[in-house]
Amino acid sequence: MTIEGRTHENPFRSRRHVPPAAILLLAFLFQTHTGVAQTIRQREFVPLSPRIMAQGRSHVAIARGYESLFTNPAGIAWTEEPELTLPSLTLWAHSRPDLLLSTIGALGADETLDEQEGDPVLDTLKEQFTTNGFGMGTALGIGYVGHGIGLGINVATDSYLYGETFPLGLEGEVQQQLMLAIGYGRPFEVGPLSLALGGTLRPTLRIVSLVDSEAAADLVSEFFGVDADEGSENGGDPLDTLTALNGYGVAFDVGIMARYETFTLGVQARNLFNTNMEYSRNSLGDVISALTSGGLPSRASDRSDPSFVSENYVVPVEYSFGLAWQPHLGDFASILDPKLHFQVTDPFKLTDPDRNRPRSFWTRLHLGSEVRVLNFFDYRLGINQGYLTTGFGVDLAFFNISFALYSQEYGRYPGDQQVGGASLEFAFRF
């Protein structure tokens, strides 16, 4: 062999021979190390506040009070009066608006539905799951924000199933989350600018179950009474057939707001430095049993243990930028007080599941508006990822009600996978 004019009859003559056994050992160690170092980017679980969703999911420049604990912590500094939320209950459904009531009505059906032609309930479920998908979620929280300090806790759950065929062929996700928020914000003045800085520490316990077609069939059978046993190998308790990642992580958020006359600029970084999640892998039934005993299943340290998770799960940092305009209308503001704002979320594409196939810019754009009428009624309108959103809020002394209709984009481009939804909140705020 001739390389660069030099002849080598034996490639091992000028260097030490490496035994084949050593080569195999090095290859094994390399593969093991690569497996441990594998990083999986996980999307954050954010409860669907109707106030935010009705305004196109734009919130960075208008965050205040309880919501600033879980959005832009700079809003803690600008919460005008101390606010105690005790509690806030939010309910939402991933559903086509025209099929929402009929689909919820089919939950817990007394009769088992089979694949008979012309069954209106079964036809509704087929159309719902194959065109939009379906799922439900709840969030229960309490919190205090005032004098630059914020404390809150939020317990949430969410589910979503979708597929091209029903009931077999569905897949999706079920997740639960317990989050504590400890925040601090400080306002100050720099020339003509009013500034607010804030930060929030969020210890989070999270359970995530990816649902395959067989587990989805079991869930549909359990909750909708659809006969889905044929072709399904599980046919057991859905809690035992679902495998759940369960563990914890500690997130850190920072935010800043700058106000000049009627304009406010907001910048937010969620999960700064990335949030590492320490997971174990167990059946959802075992996780729930452990939770009722006051904790999670113990995290395995032995790679041979089935519950051991070798992958490194992280929730990547997400930057958002927003701008709001609220004209000063003087005394007329007590009758009509408008607000317009927009937000760009993750312009650096850091949270995309596949960095080689980033989502469209239009899926990162959010436009919102709110008009307060007579200091107690709010009408909201927005555009979320190219889809129209709307809703309202009613403030009756200590009792608040908010409702929203919206759509979200689960694909890379607007129109790829539009998922409609509705969200409702009841809250007591003092």
Protein backbone atom coordinates (compact mmCIF):
# COMPACT_ATOMS: atom_id res chain seq x y z
CA MET A 1 0.00 0.00 0.00
CA THR A 2 1.32 3.45 -0.87
CA ILE A 3 0.24 6.48 1.15
CA GLU A 4 1.68 9.92 0.38
CA GLY A 5 4.67 8.36 -1.35
CA ARG A 6 5.54 6.03 1.57
CA THR A 7 5.31 2.25 1.31
CA HIS A 8 4.00 0.19 4.28
CA GLU A 9 4.03 -3.56 3.95
CA ASN A 10 2.65 -4.13 7.46
CA PRO A 11 0.39 -1.50 8.97
CA PHE A 12 1.17 -2.73 12.51
CA ARG A 13 4.99 -2.56 12.13
CA SER A 14 5.25 1.10 13.15
CA ARG A 15 2.80 0.96 16.05
CA ARG A 16 1.86 -1.35 18.90
CA HIS A 17 -0.59 -4.12 18.10
CA VAL A 18 -3.97 -3.82 19.88
CA PRO A 19 -5.46 -7.20 20.90
CA PRO A 20 -8.94 -7.92 19.46
CA ALA A 21 -10.32 -8.42 22.98
CA ALA A 22 -9.28 -4.89 23.91
CA ILE A 23 -10.96 -3.53 20.78
CA LEU A 24 -14.21 -5.29 21.72
CA LEU A 25 -13.98 -3.96 25.28
CA LEU A 26 -13.45 -0.40 24.06
CA ALA A 27 -16.37 -0.70 21.65
CA PHE A 28 -18.62 -1.93 24.45
CA LEU A 29 -17.58 0.89 26.77
CA PHE A 30 -18.13 3.43 23.99
CA GLN A 31 -21.63 2.12 23.27
CA THR A 32 -22.46 2.10 26.98
CA HIS A 33 -21.26 5.64 27.42
CA THR A 34 -23.17 6.76 24.34
CA GLY A 35 -26.36 5.20 25.72
CA VAL A 36 -25.97 6.96 29.05
CA ALA A 37 -25.26 10.26 27.36
CA GLN A 38 -28.27 10.07 25.04
CA THR A 39 -30.37 13.17 25.58
CA ILE A 40 -34.11 13.29 24.95
CA ARG A 41 -35.72 16.70 24.70
CA GLN A 42 -39.08 16.79 26.46
CA ARG A 43 -41.79 19.38 25.98
CA GLU A 44 -42.97 21.23 29.06
CA PHE A 45 -46.44 20.56 30.48
CA VAL A 46 -48.25 23.91 30.78
CA PRO A 47 -51.82 24.05 32.19
CA LEU A 48 -54.21 25.74 29.75
CA SER A 49 -55.33 28.95 31.43
CA PRO A 50 -58.47 30.30 29.68
CA ARG A 51 -57.32 33.90 30.13
CA ILE A 52 -54.09 33.14 28.28
CA MET A 53 -55.57 30.79 25.68
CA ALA A 54 -58.37 33.23 24.76
CA GLN A 55 -55.70 35.84 23.99
CA GLY A 56 -53.84 33.72 21.49
CA ARG A 57 -51.54 32.30 24.18
CA SER A 58 -49.75 35.65 24.39
CA HIS A 59 -48.82 36.49 27.98
CA VAL A 60 -45.18 37.56 28.34
CA ALA A 61 -45.85 41.32 28.34
CA ILE A 62 -49.07 41.23 30.42
CA ALA A 63 -48.32 38.70 33.21
CA ARG A 64 -49.63 39.69 36.62
CA GLY A 65 -50.65 38.04 39.90
CA TYR A 66 -51.07 34.29 40.22
CA GLU A 67 -50.33 33.60 36.54
CA SER A 68 -46.96 35.37 36.74
CA LEU A 69 -45.76 32.54 39.01
CA PHE A 70 -46.07 30.11 36.11
CA THR A 71 -45.37 32.47 33.18
CA ASN A 72 -43.23 35.64 33.34
CA PRO A 73 -41.99 36.16 36.92
CA ALA A 74 -41.33 39.85 36.26
CA GLY A 75 -45.10 40.28 36.65
CA ILE A 76 -44.68 39.55 40.36
CA ALA A 77 -43.05 42.96 40.77
CA TRP A 78 -45.91 44.78 39.05
CA THR A 79 -48.83 43.12 40.82
CA GLU A 80 -50.41 46.27 42.22
CA GLU A 81 -52.25 44.82 45.22
CA PRO A 82 -51.41 41.66 47.19
CA GLU A 83 -53.45 38.80 45.74
CA LEU A 84 -54.36 35.49 47.35
CA THR A 85 -55.75 32.80 45.04
CA LEU A 86 -57.54 30.16 47.09
CA PRO A 87 -58.12 28.15 44.97
CA SER A 88 -58.07 28.22 41.15
CA LEU A 89 -59.74 25.29 39.38
CA THR A 90 -59.23 24.98 35.62
CA LEU A 91 -60.87 22.40 33.37
CA TRP A 92 -60.09 21.91 29.69
CA ALA A 93 -60.85 19.55 26.83
CA HIS A 94 -59.00 18.90 23.57
CA SER A 95 -62.06 18.69 21.36
CA ARG A 96 -63.82 20.05 18.34
CA PRO A 97 -66.25 22.64 19.71
CA ASP A 98 -69.21 21.13 17.83
CA LEU A 99 -68.52 17.67 19.29
CA LEU A 100 -67.49 18.65 22.82
CA LEU A 101 -70.77 18.13 24.67
CA SER A 102 -71.70 14.92 22.86
CA THR A 103 -68.25 13.43 23.47
CA ILE A 104 -68.27 14.30 27.16
CA GLY A 105 -71.78 12.85 27.36
CA ALA A 106 -70.41 9.53 26.08
CA LEU A 107 -67.97 9.27 29.01
CA GLY A 108 -68.89 6.47 31.37
CA ALA A 109 -71.50 5.04 29.01
CA ASP A 110 -73.66 2.42 30.70
CA GLU A 111 -73.91 0.30 27.58
CA THR A 112 -71.04 -1.24 25.65
CA LEU A 113 -70.90 0.23 22.16
CA ASP A 114 -70.02 -2.11 19.32
CA GLU A 115 -69.27 -1.38 15.70
CA GLN A 116 -72.86 -1.21 14.52
CA GLU A 117 -73.76 0.99 11.60
CA GLY A 118 -75.73 4.08 12.41
CA ASP A 119 -74.94 4.30 16.12
CA PRO A 120 -74.88 8.10 16.66
CA VAL A 121 -72.67 7.92 19.78
CA LEU A 122 -70.12 5.69 18.10
CA ASP A 123 -70.17 7.87 14.97
CA THR A 124 -69.50 10.94 17.11
CA LEU A 125 -66.55 9.31 18.85
CA LYS A 126 -65.07 8.15 15.55
CA GLU A 127 -65.30 11.63 14.08
CA GLN A 128 -63.88 13.25 17.21
CA PHE A 129 -60.85 10.99 17.63
CA THR A 130 -59.92 10.73 13.93
CA THR A 131 -60.30 14.39 12.95
CA ASN A 132 -59.24 16.27 16.08
CA GLY A 133 -58.33 13.76 18.75
CA PHE A 134 -59.71 14.00 22.26
CA GLY A 135 -58.43 14.49 25.77
CA MET A 136 -59.20 16.24 29.02
CA GLY A 137 -57.22 18.01 31.71
CA THR A 138 -57.54 19.74 35.05
CA ALA A 139 -55.39 22.05 37.16
CA LEU A 140 -55.90 22.96 40.82
CA GLY A 141 -53.76 25.66 42.34
CA ILE A 142 -53.34 28.11 45.18
CA GLY A 143 -50.97 31.04 45.41
CA TYR A 144 -50.02 34.38 46.91
CA VAL A 145 -48.39 37.29 45.10
CA GLY A 146 -47.63 40.60 46.76
CA HIS A 147 -44.84 42.95 47.88
CA GLY A 148 -42.44 41.34 45.40
CA ILE A 149 -42.93 37.83 46.74
CA GLY A 150 -44.76 34.95 45.08
CA LEU A 151 -45.61 31.47 46.37
CA GLY A 152 -47.82 28.93 44.66
CA ILE A 153 -48.56 25.29 44.10
CA ASN A 154 -50.31 23.68 41.15
CA VAL A 155 -51.49 20.11 40.58
CA ALA A 156 -52.42 19.26 36.98
CA THR A 157 -53.26 16.32 34.75
CA ASP A 158 -53.75 16.06 30.99
CA SER A 159 -54.54 13.43 28.36
CA TYR A 160 -54.75 13.34 24.58
CA LEU A 161 -55.42 10.50 22.11
CA TYR A 162 -55.45 10.71 18.33
CA GLY A 163 -55.38 8.31 15.38
CA GLU A 164 -56.57 7.64 11.85
CA THR A 165 -58.75 4.69 12.95
CA PHE A 166 -61.02 4.22 15.97
CA PRO A 167 -60.94 2.59 18.47
CA LEU A 168 -57.79 0.67 17.52
CA GLY A 169 -55.04 2.79 15.98
CA LEU A 170 -55.14 5.59 18.55
CA GLU A 171 -52.07 6.77 20.41
CA GLY A 172 -51.19 9.71 22.61
CA GLU A 173 -50.07 10.77 26.05
CA VAL A 174 -51.29 10.94 29.65
CA GLN A 175 -49.42 13.06 32.17
CA GLN A 176 -49.64 14.41 35.69
CA GLN A 177 -47.68 17.15 37.38
CA LEU A 178 -47.16 18.69 40.82
CA MET A 179 -45.38 22.02 40.74
CA LEU A 180 -44.25 24.38 43.48
CA ALA A 181 -43.36 27.97 42.52
CA ILE A 182 -41.23 30.32 44.64
CA GLY A 183 -40.79 33.71 43.04
CA TYR A 184 -39.33 37.13 43.63
CA GLY A 185 -39.74 40.34 41.65
CA ARG A 186 -38.37 43.84 42.00
CA PRO A 187 -39.45 47.08 40.25
CA PHE A 188 -37.16 50.03 39.65
CA GLU A 189 -36.87 53.13 37.49
CA VAL A 190 -34.20 53.98 34.92
CA GLY A 191 -34.82 57.44 33.47
CA PRO A 192 -38.18 57.39 31.66
CA LEU A 193 -38.39 53.59 31.85
CA SER A 194 -40.18 51.57 34.51
CA LEU A 195 -38.50 48.17 34.82
CA ALA A 196 -39.34 44.94 36.59
CA LEU A 197 -37.08 41.93 37.10
CA GLY A 198 -38.23 38.58 38.44
CA GLY A 199 -37.23 34.98 38.92
CA THR A 200 -39.03 31.80 39.88
CA LEU A 201 -37.76 28.50 41.21
CA ARG A 202 -40.09 25.61 40.27
CA PRO A 203 -39.48 22.17 41.83
CA THR A 204 -41.60 19.83 39.72
CA LEU A 205 -42.77 16.24 40.07
CA ARG A 206 -43.91 14.82 36.74
CA ILE A 207 -45.42 11.58 35.43
CA VAL A 208 -45.57 10.96 31.67
CA SER A 209 -47.17 7.92 30.00
CA LEU A 210 -46.88 7.41 26.25
CA VAL A 211 -49.98 5.53 25.09
CA ASP A 212 -49.68 3.00 22.26
CA SER A 213 -52.62 1.64 20.28
CA GLU A 214 -53.31 -1.29 22.63
CA ALA A 215 -53.22 0.84 25.77
CA ALA A 216 -55.40 3.43 23.99
CA ALA A 217 -57.94 0.70 23.18
CA ASP A 218 -58.05 -0.22 26.87
CA LEU A 219 -58.60 3.42 27.86
CA VAL A 220 -61.38 3.87 25.31
CA SER A 221 -63.04 0.67 26.52
CA GLU A 222 -62.78 1.82 30.14
CA PHE A 223 -64.09 5.36 29.74
CA PHE A 224 -66.38 5.23 26.71
CA GLY A 225 -67.73 1.69 26.85
CA VAL A 226 -66.51 0.95 23.32
CA ASP A 227 -65.89 -2.74 22.63
CA ALA A 228 -62.21 -2.56 21.66
CA ASP A 229 -60.96 -5.92 22.91
CA GLU A 230 -60.78 -7.48 19.46
CA GLY A 231 -57.24 -7.11 18.20
CA SER A 232 -55.95 -5.84 21.55
CA GLU A 233 -53.59 -8.10 23.48
CA ASN A 234 -53.83 -6.24 26.76
CA GLY A 235 -57.48 -6.13 27.78
CA GLY A 236 -56.52 -5.36 31.38
CA ASP A 237 -56.57 -2.46 33.79
CA PRO A 238 -55.32 0.61 31.87
CA LEU A 239 -53.29 1.66 34.92
CA ASP A 240 -51.29 -1.55 34.69
CA THR A 241 -50.84 -1.53 30.92
CA LEU A 242 -49.45 2.03 30.84
CA THR A 243 -45.72 2.51 31.46
CA ALA A 244 -44.94 5.84 33.06
CA LEU A 245 -41.81 7.92 33.32
CA ASN A 246 -41.94 9.38 36.82
CA GLY A 247 -39.56 11.68 38.58
CA TYR A 248 -38.64 15.23 39.38
CA GLY A 249 -36.65 18.25 38.29
CA VAL A 250 -36.03 21.82 39.41
CA ALA A 251 -36.69 24.56 36.85
CA PHE A 252 -35.58 28.18 37.02
CA ASP A 253 -37.31 31.01 35.14
CA VAL A 254 -36.31 34.64 34.73
CA GLY A 255 -38.16 37.55 33.20
CA ILE A 256 -37.93 41.28 32.59
CA MET A 257 -40.48 43.93 31.68
CA ALA A 258 -39.83 47.47 30.52
CA ARG A 259 -42.62 50.05 30.32
CA TYR A 260 -42.47 53.37 28.48
CA GLU A 261 -45.66 55.43 28.48
CA THR A 262 -48.29 53.10 26.96
CA PHE A 263 -45.96 50.34 25.73
CA THR A 264 -44.57 47.36 27.63
CA LEU A 265 -41.82 45.02 26.45
CA GLY A 266 -41.60 41.60 28.05
CA VAL A 267 -38.82 38.99 27.84
CA GLN A 268 -38.99 35.60 29.47
CA ALA A 269 -36.65 32.59 29.73
CA ARG A 270 -38.31 29.42 30.99
CA ASN A 271 -36.21 26.46 32.14
CA LEU A 272 -33.05 28.54 32.06
CA PHE A 273 -29.92 26.35 31.73
CA ASN A 274 -32.30 23.50 30.74
CA THR A 275 -34.19 21.44 33.33
CA ASN A 276 -32.88 17.93 33.92
CA MET A 277 -35.55 15.39 34.86
CA GLU A 278 -34.55 12.42 37.02
CA TYR A 279 -36.88 9.61 35.95
CA SER A 280 -37.76 6.05 36.80
CA ARG A 281 -39.88 3.80 34.57
CA ASN A 282 -42.79 1.95 36.21
CA SER A 283 -46.38 1.02 35.49
CA LEU A 284 -48.82 3.85 36.10
CA GLY A 285 -50.61 1.65 38.64
CA ASP A 286 -47.40 1.24 40.66
CA VAL A 287 -46.77 4.99 40.48
CA ILE A 288 -50.26 5.79 41.80
CA SER A 289 -49.87 3.21 44.57
CA ALA A 290 -46.57 4.81 45.60
CA LEU A 291 -48.11 8.28 45.53
CA THR A 292 -50.89 7.21 47.88
CA SER A 293 -48.14 6.10 50.25
CA GLY A 294 -46.50 9.51 50.12
CA GLY A 295 -43.87 9.30 47.38
CA LEU A 296 -42.72 7.89 44.07
CA PRO A 297 -41.25 4.47 43.32
CA SER A 298 -37.59 4.36 44.33
CA ARG A 299 -35.22 5.24 41.50
CA ALA A 300 -33.18 2.24 40.37
CA SER A 301 -29.38 2.55 40.24
CA ASP A 302 -28.79 -0.80 38.52
CA ARG A 303 -28.98 -0.76 34.72
CA SER A 304 -30.37 -4.31 34.76
CA ASP A 305 -33.43 -3.13 36.71
CA PRO A 306 -36.44 -2.71 34.33
CA SER A 307 -37.28 0.60 36.02
CA PHE A 308 -33.83 2.08 35.32
CA VAL A 309 -33.84 4.99 32.83
CA SER A 310 -30.52 5.39 31.04
CA GLU A 311 -31.60 8.31 28.83
CA ASN A 312 -31.02 11.89 29.93
CA TYR A 313 -34.37 13.73 29.77
CA VAL A 314 -34.25 17.52 29.65
CA VAL A 315 -36.83 20.27 29.22
CA PRO A 316 -34.91 22.79 27.06
CA VAL A 317 -34.79 26.51 27.74
CA GLU A 318 -37.49 28.52 25.97
CA TYR A 319 -37.17 32.24 25.26
CA SER A 320 -40.21 34.40 24.54
CA PHE A 321 -40.49 38.06 23.56
CA GLY A 322 -43.65 40.14 23.79
CA LEU A 323 -44.91 43.69 23.32
CA ALA A 324 -48.12 45.17 24.74
CA TRP A 325 -49.94 48.45 24.18
CA GLN A 326 -52.49 49.79 26.67
CA PRO A 327 -53.67 53.32 25.91
CA HIS A 328 -54.28 55.71 28.80
CA LEU A 329 -57.96 56.62 28.56
CA GLY A 330 -58.22 58.49 31.84
CA ASP A 331 -61.66 58.38 33.49
CA PHE A 332 -63.07 56.58 30.45
CA ALA A 333 -60.96 53.52 31.34
CA SER A 334 -63.50 52.59 34.02
CA ILE A 335 -66.00 52.08 31.18
CA LEU A 336 -63.77 50.66 28.45
CA ASP A 337 -60.12 49.67 28.93
CA PRO A 338 -58.47 47.96 25.89
CA LYS A 339 -55.15 46.14 25.63
CA LEU A 340 -53.31 44.77 22.57
CA HIS A 341 -50.22 42.56 22.61
CA PHE A 342 -48.23 39.97 20.68
CA GLN A 343 -45.57 37.40 21.45
CA VAL A 344 -42.95 35.32 19.65
CA THR A 345 -42.19 32.05 21.43
CA ASP A 346 -38.95 30.14 21.01
CA PRO A 347 -37.60 32.04 17.97
CA PHE A 348 -34.27 30.22 18.41
CA LYS A 349 -35.97 26.82 17.90
CA LEU A 350 -34.50 25.40 21.11
CA THR A 351 -37.58 23.41 22.11
CA ASP A 352 -38.30 21.74 18.76
CA PRO A 353 -38.35 17.93 19.21
CA ASP A 354 -36.34 17.53 16.00
CA ARG A 355 -33.83 20.32 15.47
CA ASN A 356 -33.29 19.16 11.87
CA ARG A 357 -36.99 19.66 11.08
CA PRO A 358 -37.93 22.88 12.89
CA ARG A 359 -41.47 24.15 13.21
CA SER A 360 -42.69 27.04 11.08
CA PHE A 361 -42.32 30.61 12.36
CA TRP A 362 -46.12 30.95 12.27
CA THR A 363 -46.44 28.29 14.98
CA ARG A 364 -44.37 30.57 17.23
CA LEU A 365 -46.51 33.69 16.77
CA HIS A 366 -49.26 34.73 19.20
CA LEU A 367 -51.52 37.81 19.04
CA GLY A 368 -53.90 38.82 21.80
CA SER A 369 -56.33 41.49 22.95
CA GLU A 370 -58.50 42.17 25.97
CA VAL A 371 -61.17 44.79 26.52
CA ARG A 372 -62.31 45.38 30.09
CA VAL A 373 -65.87 46.71 30.32
CA LEU A 374 -67.22 48.45 33.44
CA ASN A 375 -64.36 47.02 35.54
CA PHE A 376 -65.91 43.55 35.80
CA PHE A 377 -66.30 42.00 32.32
CA ASP A 378 -63.41 41.11 29.97
CA TYR A 379 -63.80 40.17 26.33
CA ARG A 380 -60.76 38.47 24.81
CA LEU A 381 -59.72 37.76 21.26
CA GLY A 382 -56.50 36.48 19.72
CA ILE A 383 -54.65 34.43 17.13
CA ASN A 384 -52.69 31.39 18.30
CA GLN A 385 -50.36 29.82 15.72
CA GLY A 386 -52.62 31.05 12.92
CA TYR A 387 -55.92 30.04 14.57
CA LEU A 388 -58.56 32.37 15.99
CA THR A 389 -59.15 32.29 19.76
CA THR A 390 -61.82 33.96 21.86
CA GLY A 391 -63.23 34.01 25.36
CA PHE A 392 -64.40 36.12 28.26
CA GLY A 393 -63.90 36.71 31.96
CA VAL A 394 -66.23 37.88 34.71
CA ASP A 395 -64.89 39.42 37.93
CA LEU A 396 -67.50 39.35 40.70
CA ALA A 397 -65.76 40.73 43.78
CA PHE A 398 -63.74 37.73 45.04
CA PHE A 399 -65.06 35.24 42.47
CA ASN A 400 -63.68 35.02 38.91
CA ILE A 401 -64.90 33.00 35.95
CA SER A 402 -62.98 32.71 32.67
CA PHE A 403 -63.77 30.74 29.52
CA ALA A 404 -61.91 30.26 26.22
CA LEU A 405 -62.29 28.56 22.84
CA TYR A 406 -59.08 28.05 20.87
CA SER A 407 -57.03 25.83 18.60
CA GLN A 408 -53.43 24.66 18.86
CA GLU A 409 -51.06 23.35 16.22
CA TYR A 410 -49.48 19.98 17.02
CA GLY A 411 -47.63 19.78 13.69
CA ARG A 412 -44.78 21.70 12.10
CA TYR A 413 -46.94 24.06 10.02
CA PRO A 414 -50.36 25.69 10.57
CA GLY A 415 -52.93 23.27 9.21
CA ASP A 416 -50.84 20.12 9.74
CA GLN A 417 -52.67 18.98 12.88
CA GLN A 418 -55.12 21.51 14.23
CA VAL A 419 -56.45 20.54 17.66
CA GLY A 420 -59.40 22.51 19.01
CA GLY A 421 -60.09 23.01 22.67
CA ALA A 422 -62.06 24.75 25.39
CA SER A 423 -60.94 25.85 28.85
CA LEU A 424 -62.88 27.03 31.91
CA GLU A 425 -61.58 28.44 35.20
CA PHE A 426 -63.25 29.13 38.55
CA ALA A 427 -61.14 31.07 41.03
CA PHE A 428 -61.48 32.82 44.37
CA ARG A 429 -59.09 35.75 44.65
CA PHE A 430 -58.82 38.01 47.66
